[in-house]
Amino acid sequence: MSVQRIADARRALTRSGESAASLLRTPRIVLQASEPAMAREVLDFYARNRAHFAPWDPTMPADFLTLRFQRDRLLKAQRAFARGEAYRYWMRLHDAPARVIGQIHFSSIVRGAFHSAMLGYQLDQASEGRGLMTEALGAGIAEMFSERVQLHRIQAAHMCENLRSAAVLARLGFQREGLAKHYLFIDGQWRDHVINALLNPAFKGTPAY
């Protein structure tokens, strides 16, 4: 099932000329790489979902919900994208392109003998239950497993009680690998996380130190 979902995402994925890595499209979603000019939309996304994200995310800096912070953060993400260190995409619907409804990111990319990344994602509360995150992640993973990027492994962690996140990962073919005790400090305490991973069945890279 996992291989088929990723293969379907590859077929559905369209690219725009030389912006292949920074702009992805699925039947319902546009995935766009970070740009400082997006700061207002990104700020609005986090502001309206502040309470929704709080139980699952680390505590943010006091100035997180400011335009300056978001511009700086987007600029850093843009530079990391260009260097191949991390790939963050912001989600928009085709029929509502002015509104950011989520984000997916592949971070902590390590090459050498590893060729791996960590996966994270967030979706607007009002957009849940429609399969949008599964669709977006399918496209993002297809790009990460493509010949251009050539990752071998993607790891994702979720809190034990986050059943919605667990279901999304299962639909995409992620396999549970174990439990990481006191993995992240969230909502005032160290929280255990379930560790999941997805391997690239078509990996053709040459791992080396």
Protein backbone atom coordinates (compact mmCIF):
# COMPACT_ATOMS: atom_id res chain seq x y z
CA MET A 1 0.00 0.00 0.00
CA SER A 2 2.77 2.46 0.88
CA VAL A 3 4.65 1.97 -2.41
CA GLN A 4 1.41 2.38 -4.36
CA ARG A 5 0.48 5.62 -2.54
CA ILE A 6 3.88 7.16 -3.24
CA ALA A 7 3.76 6.00 -6.87
CA ASP A 8 0.30 7.56 -7.25
CA ALA A 9 1.62 10.81 -5.76
CA ARG A 10 4.47 10.83 -8.28
CA ARG A 11 2.01 10.49 -11.16
CA ALA A 12 -0.28 13.21 -9.75
CA LEU A 13 2.62 15.56 -9.05
CA THR A 14 3.26 18.30 -11.60
CA ARG A 15 6.20 20.67 -11.62
CA SER A 16 6.66 24.14 -13.04
CA GLY A 17 9.82 24.44 -15.13
CA GLU A 18 12.94 25.22 -13.16
CA SER A 19 10.91 25.64 -9.95
CA ALA A 20 10.53 21.86 -9.67
CA ALA A 21 11.96 21.65 -6.17
CA SER A 22 10.22 24.72 -4.79
CA LEU A 23 6.69 24.41 -6.23
CA LEU A 24 4.66 21.19 -6.22
CA ARG A 25 1.03 20.68 -7.22
CA THR A 26 -1.45 17.95 -6.39
CA PRO A 27 -5.10 17.70 -7.50
CA ARG A 28 -6.21 20.01 -4.68
CA ILE A 29 -3.09 21.60 -3.22
CA VAL A 30 -0.22 23.90 -4.14
CA LEU A 31 2.94 23.31 -2.10
CA GLN A 32 5.27 26.31 -2.10
CA ALA A 33 8.74 26.68 -0.60
CA SER A 34 9.36 29.40 1.97
CA GLU A 35 9.71 33.03 0.92
CA PRO A 36 9.86 36.06 3.27
CA ALA A 37 7.01 37.64 1.30
CA MET A 38 4.68 34.97 2.72
CA ALA A 39 5.12 36.24 6.29
CA ARG A 40 1.62 37.72 6.66
CA GLU A 41 -0.16 34.55 5.50
CA VAL A 42 2.07 32.35 7.64
CA LEU A 43 1.51 34.59 10.67
CA ASP A 44 -2.25 34.39 10.14
CA PHE A 45 -2.03 30.60 9.89
CA TYR A 46 -0.26 30.30 13.24
CA ALA A 47 -2.41 32.95 14.94
CA ARG A 48 -5.70 31.25 14.14
CA ASN A 49 -4.33 27.81 15.11
CA ARG A 50 -2.46 28.84 18.24
CA ALA A 51 -4.68 26.93 20.67
CA HIS A 52 -5.04 23.99 18.29
CA PHE A 53 -1.26 23.44 17.97
CA ALA A 54 -0.35 24.14 21.60
CA PRO A 55 -0.84 20.57 22.96
CA TRP A 56 1.40 19.06 20.26
CA ASP A 57 4.19 21.57 19.66
CA PRO A 58 7.15 22.87 21.70
CA THR A 59 6.63 26.27 23.33
CA MET A 60 7.29 29.04 20.83
CA PRO A 61 9.36 32.19 21.51
CA ALA A 62 7.48 35.20 22.89
CA ASP A 63 7.80 37.05 19.56
CA PHE A 64 6.75 34.08 17.41
CA LEU A 65 3.46 35.71 16.39
CA THR A 66 5.08 38.80 14.86
CA LEU A 67 5.79 39.65 11.24
CA ARG A 68 9.46 40.22 11.95
CA PHE A 69 9.92 36.78 13.48
CA GLN A 70 8.09 35.07 10.63
CA ARG A 71 10.04 36.95 7.96
CA ASP A 72 13.33 35.96 9.59
CA ARG A 73 12.17 32.37 9.96
CA LEU A 74 11.05 32.17 6.34
CA LEU A 75 14.36 33.65 5.15
CA LYS A 76 16.30 31.04 7.12
CA ALA A 77 14.07 28.31 5.69
CA GLN A 78 14.58 29.66 2.18
CA ARG A 79 18.36 29.53 2.59
CA ALA A 80 18.25 26.03 4.09
CA PHE A 81 16.12 24.91 1.14
CA ALA A 82 18.66 26.30 -1.34
CA ARG A 83 21.48 24.48 0.46
CA GLY A 84 19.57 21.20 0.57
CA GLU A 85 19.63 21.14 4.38
CA ALA A 86 15.85 21.21 4.89
CA TYR A 87 12.77 21.42 2.68
CA ARG A 88 9.68 23.22 4.00
CA TYR A 89 6.53 23.59 1.90
CA TRP A 90 3.46 25.69 2.69
CA MET A 91 0.06 24.35 1.68
CA ARG A 92 -2.62 26.30 -0.19
CA LEU A 93 -5.79 25.09 -1.88
CA HIS A 94 -6.13 25.68 -5.61
CA ASP A 95 -9.47 27.39 -5.03
CA ALA A 96 -8.17 29.57 -2.15
CA PRO A 97 -4.56 30.45 -3.08
CA ALA A 98 -4.26 33.45 -0.73
CA ARG A 99 -4.66 31.37 2.43
CA VAL A 100 -1.99 29.12 3.96
CA ILE A 101 -3.69 26.03 5.41
CA GLY A 102 -0.71 23.97 6.50
CA GLN A 103 2.94 23.12 6.18
CA ILE A 104 5.14 20.07 5.77
CA HIS A 105 8.87 19.99 6.33
CA PHE A 106 11.74 17.59 5.84
CA SER A 107 14.52 18.71 8.17
CA SER A 108 17.80 17.51 9.72
CA ILE A 109 18.81 16.09 6.35
CA VAL A 110 21.96 14.01 6.64
CA ARG A 111 23.76 12.55 3.65
CA GLY A 112 26.88 10.39 3.80
CA ALA A 113 25.97 6.87 4.89
CA PHE A 114 22.55 7.99 6.14
CA HIS A 115 20.54 9.87 3.44
CA SER A 116 17.77 10.55 5.93
CA ALA A 117 15.42 13.34 7.03
CA MET A 118 12.98 14.12 9.83
CA LEU A 119 9.37 14.82 8.86
CA GLY A 120 7.04 17.34 10.48
CA TYR A 121 3.66 18.76 9.50
CA GLN A 122 0.80 20.99 10.64
CA LEU A 123 -2.69 21.49 9.25
CA ASP A 124 -5.27 24.20 9.86
CA GLN A 125 -7.93 22.90 12.24
CA ALA A 126 -10.71 23.89 9.83
CA SER A 127 -9.13 21.77 7.07
CA GLU A 128 -8.86 18.49 8.99
CA GLY A 129 -10.78 15.38 8.01
CA ARG A 130 -10.54 15.88 4.24
CA GLY A 131 -7.41 13.89 3.42
CA LEU A 132 -5.46 17.05 2.62
CA MET A 133 -2.44 16.24 4.77
CA THR A 134 -2.17 12.74 3.33
CA GLU A 135 -2.30 14.26 -0.16
CA ALA A 136 0.33 16.90 0.62
CA LEU A 137 2.69 14.49 2.36
CA GLY A 138 2.36 12.01 -0.49
CA ALA A 139 3.58 14.67 -2.92
CA GLY A 140 6.35 15.84 -0.60
CA ILE A 141 7.60 12.31 0.01
CA ALA A 142 7.53 11.58 -3.72
CA GLU A 143 9.79 14.59 -4.22
CA MET A 144 12.14 13.53 -1.41
CA PHE A 145 12.37 10.01 -2.88
CA SER A 146 12.81 11.30 -6.44
CA GLU A 147 16.08 11.00 -8.36
CA ARG A 148 16.67 14.70 -7.73
CA VAL A 149 16.70 14.52 -3.93
CA GLN A 150 17.35 10.80 -3.37
CA LEU A 151 16.61 10.31 0.31
CA HIS A 152 16.71 6.75 1.61
CA ARG A 153 14.75 7.15 4.85
CA ILE A 154 12.22 9.56 6.36
CA GLN A 155 11.51 9.47 10.09
CA ALA A 156 8.43 10.90 11.79
CA ALA A 157 7.55 11.07 15.48
CA HIS A 158 4.20 11.71 17.14
CA MET A 159 2.91 11.79 20.70
CA CYS A 160 1.24 8.56 21.79
CA GLU A 161 -2.19 10.16 22.09
CA ASN A 162 -2.04 11.87 18.68
CA LEU A 163 -4.12 9.25 16.90
CA ARG A 164 -4.90 11.50 13.94
CA SER A 165 -1.21 11.88 13.14
CA ALA A 166 -0.65 8.15 13.61
CA ALA A 167 -3.41 7.43 11.09
CA VAL A 168 -1.93 9.77 8.48
CA LEU A 169 1.47 8.12 8.74
CA ALA A 170 -0.05 4.65 8.56
CA ARG A 171 -1.92 5.55 5.37
CA LEU A 172 1.37 6.63 3.82
CA GLY A 173 3.06 3.35 4.72
CA PHE A 174 5.20 4.46 7.66
CA GLN A 175 6.20 1.62 9.97
CA ARG A 176 6.34 1.97 13.74
CA GLU A 177 9.89 1.40 14.98
CA GLY A 178 9.55 2.01 18.70
CA LEU A 179 8.91 4.44 21.53
CA ALA A 180 11.27 7.28 22.44
CA LYS A 181 10.95 8.15 26.11
CA HIS A 182 10.96 11.85 27.09
CA TYR A 183 11.58 12.73 23.44
CA LEU A 184 10.44 16.38 23.34
CA PHE A 185 9.56 19.04 25.92
CA ILE A 186 5.97 19.97 25.10
CA ASP A 187 3.28 21.75 27.09
CA GLY A 188 5.41 21.93 30.23
CA GLN A 189 6.73 18.39 30.36
CA TRP A 190 8.90 15.82 28.59
CA ARG A 191 6.67 13.73 26.34
CA ASP A 192 7.14 10.24 24.95
CA HIS A 193 6.87 9.90 21.16
CA VAL A 194 6.23 7.01 18.80
CA ILE A 195 8.99 6.73 16.18
CA ASN A 196 7.96 5.82 12.64
CA ALA A 197 9.94 5.52 9.42
CA LEU A 198 9.43 5.11 5.69
CA LEU A 199 12.11 3.71 3.39
CA ASN A 200 12.62 4.56 -0.27
CA PRO A 201 12.24 1.31 -2.23
CA ALA A 202 13.78 2.89 -5.32
CA PHE A 203 16.86 4.40 -3.67
CA LYS A 204 19.77 4.44 -6.11
CA GLY A 205 22.24 6.64 -4.28
CA THR A 206 25.76 5.73 -3.24
CA PRO A 207 26.01 6.07 0.54
CA ALA A 208 29.48 7.17 1.58
CA TYR A 209 31.13 9.12 4.37
